[in-house]
Protein backbone atom coordinates (compact mmCIF):
# COMPACT_ATOMS: atom_id res chain seq x y z
CA GLU A 1 -26.20 -46.43 -52.65
CA VAL A 2 -28.33 -45.47 -50.02
CA GLN A 3 -26.43 -44.11 -46.91
CA LEU A 4 -27.26 -42.67 -43.74
CA GLN A 5 -23.99 -41.69 -41.62
CA ALA A 6 -24.71 -40.73 -38.07
CA SER A 7 -21.85 -38.66 -36.39
CA GLY A 8 -21.23 -36.74 -33.40
CA GLY A 9 -21.70 -38.85 -30.57
CA GLY A 10 -18.93 -38.78 -27.89
CA LEU A 11 -18.47 -38.62 -24.23
CA VAL A 12 -19.80 -35.90 -22.06
CA GLN A 13 -20.55 -35.29 -18.43
CA THR A 14 -24.00 -35.39 -16.97
CA GLY A 15 -25.64 -31.75 -17.99
CA GLY A 16 -23.73 -31.60 -21.20
CA SER A 17 -25.06 -31.18 -24.84
CA LEU A 18 -24.36 -32.60 -27.91
CA ARG A 19 -25.50 -32.41 -31.28
CA LEU A 20 -25.65 -35.52 -33.70
CA SER A 21 -25.66 -35.41 -37.31
CA CYS A 22 -27.11 -37.40 -39.94
CA ALA A 23 -26.07 -37.30 -43.22
CA ALA A 24 -28.09 -38.66 -46.23
CA SER A 25 -26.97 -39.63 -49.52
CA GLY A 26 -27.99 -42.11 -52.45
CA PHE A 27 -31.83 -41.19 -52.14
CA THR A 28 -33.96 -38.21 -52.61
CA PHE A 29 -34.19 -36.03 -49.05
CA ASP A 30 -37.28 -34.66 -49.63
CA ASP A 31 -39.11 -38.08 -50.19
CA PHE A 32 -38.44 -39.46 -46.75
CA ALA A 33 -38.93 -38.30 -43.02
CA ILE A 34 -35.87 -39.11 -40.80
CA GLY A 35 -35.74 -40.07 -37.33
CA TRP A 36 -33.72 -40.83 -34.31
CA PHE A 37 -33.45 -44.25 -32.04
CA ARG A 38 -31.22 -45.34 -29.83
CA GLN A 39 -30.22 -48.60 -27.94
CA ALA A 40 -28.44 -49.05 -24.58
CA PRO A 41 -26.29 -51.54 -23.69
CA GLY A 42 -28.24 -54.54 -22.84
CA LYS A 43 -31.45 -53.30 -23.82
CA GLU A 44 -33.65 -53.27 -26.68
CA ARG A 45 -34.10 -50.38 -28.96
CA GLU A 46 -36.29 -47.84 -27.79
CA GLY A 47 -38.89 -46.32 -30.00
CA ILE A 48 -38.65 -43.06 -31.78
CA LEU A 49 -37.02 -40.21 -30.08
CA CYS A 50 -37.52 -37.49 -32.58
CA ILE A 51 -38.47 -37.58 -36.28
CA VAL A 52 -38.21 -34.93 -39.00
CA ASN A 53 -40.67 -35.03 -42.11
CA ALA A 54 -39.73 -33.90 -45.43
CA ASP A 55 -41.69 -30.77 -44.84
CA GLY A 56 -40.02 -29.75 -41.86
CA THR A 57 -42.40 -30.71 -39.17
CA THR A 58 -40.72 -32.35 -36.25
CA TYR A 59 -41.98 -34.78 -33.74
CA CYS A 60 -40.20 -35.86 -30.86
CA ALA A 61 -41.57 -38.68 -27.84
CA ASP A 62 -42.64 -37.31 -24.82
CA SER A 63 -40.11 -38.83 -22.90
CA VAL A 64 -37.32 -36.69 -24.59
CA LYS A 65 -39.66 -33.75 -25.40
CA GLY A 66 -37.78 -30.62 -24.23
CA ARG A 67 -34.47 -32.18 -24.11
CA PHE A 68 -34.20 -33.44 -27.11
CA THR A 69 -34.71 -31.40 -30.51
CA ALA A 70 -34.73 -32.27 -34.20
CA SER A 71 -34.11 -30.45 -37.16
CA SER A 72 -32.74 -30.50 -40.95
CA ASP A 73 -30.66 -28.71 -43.39
CA LYS A 74 -32.11 -29.79 -46.52
CA ALA A 75 -29.04 -28.04 -48.61
CA LYS A 76 -26.76 -30.69 -46.79
CA ASN A 77 -29.40 -33.44 -46.60
CA THR A 78 -28.75 -33.75 -43.10
CA VAL A 79 -31.13 -34.16 -39.76
CA TYR A 80 -29.64 -33.18 -36.57
CA LEU A 81 -30.52 -34.02 -33.02
CA GLN A 82 -29.94 -31.96 -30.53
CA ILE A 83 -29.43 -33.31 -26.98
CA ASN A 84 -29.32 -31.00 -23.85
CA SER A 85 -29.31 -31.56 -20.33
CA LEU A 86 -27.90 -35.24 -20.71
CA LYS A 87 -28.51 -37.65 -18.01
CA PRO A 88 -26.31 -41.08 -17.60
CA GLU A 89 -29.53 -42.86 -18.78
CA ASP A 90 -28.90 -41.48 -22.19
CA THR A 91 -25.76 -43.33 -22.69
CA ALA A 92 -26.69 -45.35 -26.06
CA VAL A 93 -25.85 -45.93 -29.28
CA TYR A 94 -27.91 -43.89 -31.25
CA TYR A 95 -29.22 -44.26 -34.58
CA CYS A 96 -30.85 -42.63 -37.83
CA ALA A 97 -33.26 -43.96 -40.01
CA ALA A 98 -35.45 -42.97 -42.90
CA VAL A 99 -39.29 -43.79 -43.61
CA TYR A 100 -40.89 -43.07 -46.89
CA TRP A 101 -43.13 -39.95 -46.79
CA ALA A 102 -46.22 -42.05 -47.62
CA LYS A 103 -45.58 -44.52 -44.92
CA TYR A 104 -44.81 -41.97 -42.62
CA TYR A 105 -48.61 -40.46 -43.11
CA SER A 106 -50.06 -43.95 -43.74
CA SER A 107 -48.47 -46.20 -41.01
CA PRO A 108 -47.34 -44.05 -38.05
CA ASP A 109 -46.60 -46.96 -36.17
CA ALA A 110 -43.90 -47.70 -38.72
CA TRP A 111 -41.96 -44.80 -37.49
CA ARG A 112 -43.16 -44.80 -33.96
CA THR A 113 -41.54 -48.01 -33.44
CA GLY A 114 -38.94 -48.05 -35.86
CA ASN A 115 -39.65 -51.66 -36.98
CA GLY A 116 -41.06 -49.99 -40.63
CA MET A 117 -38.02 -48.00 -41.65
CA ASP A 118 -36.62 -48.18 -44.78
CA PHE A 119 -33.28 -47.42 -44.55
CA TRP A 120 -30.95 -47.51 -41.28
CA GLY A 121 -27.65 -45.96 -40.48
CA LYS A 122 -24.78 -47.24 -38.45
CA GLY A 123 -24.86 -45.50 -34.98
CA THR A 124 -23.07 -43.26 -32.97
CA GLN A 125 -22.01 -43.66 -29.38
CA VAL A 126 -23.22 -41.36 -26.91
CA THR A 127 -21.70 -41.84 -23.53
CA VAL A 128 -22.63 -39.74 -20.52
CA SER A 129 -20.74 -40.03 -17.54
CA SER A 130 -21.68 -39.32 -13.83
């Protein structure tokens, strides 16, 4: 059974940091890129925040670059999202999702929008207090 388990969310103050984890199981970790998305209360899901490809290369959207960093630990089949300088507007449910490596290269819109991800995990709540 494919599982993507996001964890590490919580309540933090403005300016704080969090490291979210996404533990993957049930599929070959090296065959997929794993990305992070978020959905704020009352809003639609945003496009990609950051994504880590199977070869370790990462991409983060310009809107979060500099504050968000993605990384992976292949030994643990886990992808991380480090979020620094948290702002109240970062309050959202954060989701991780996986896209097959071939689609990662052939259809970048699939992961940039999130509409073409192959697997989704349940989210983890991040709340930033002002």
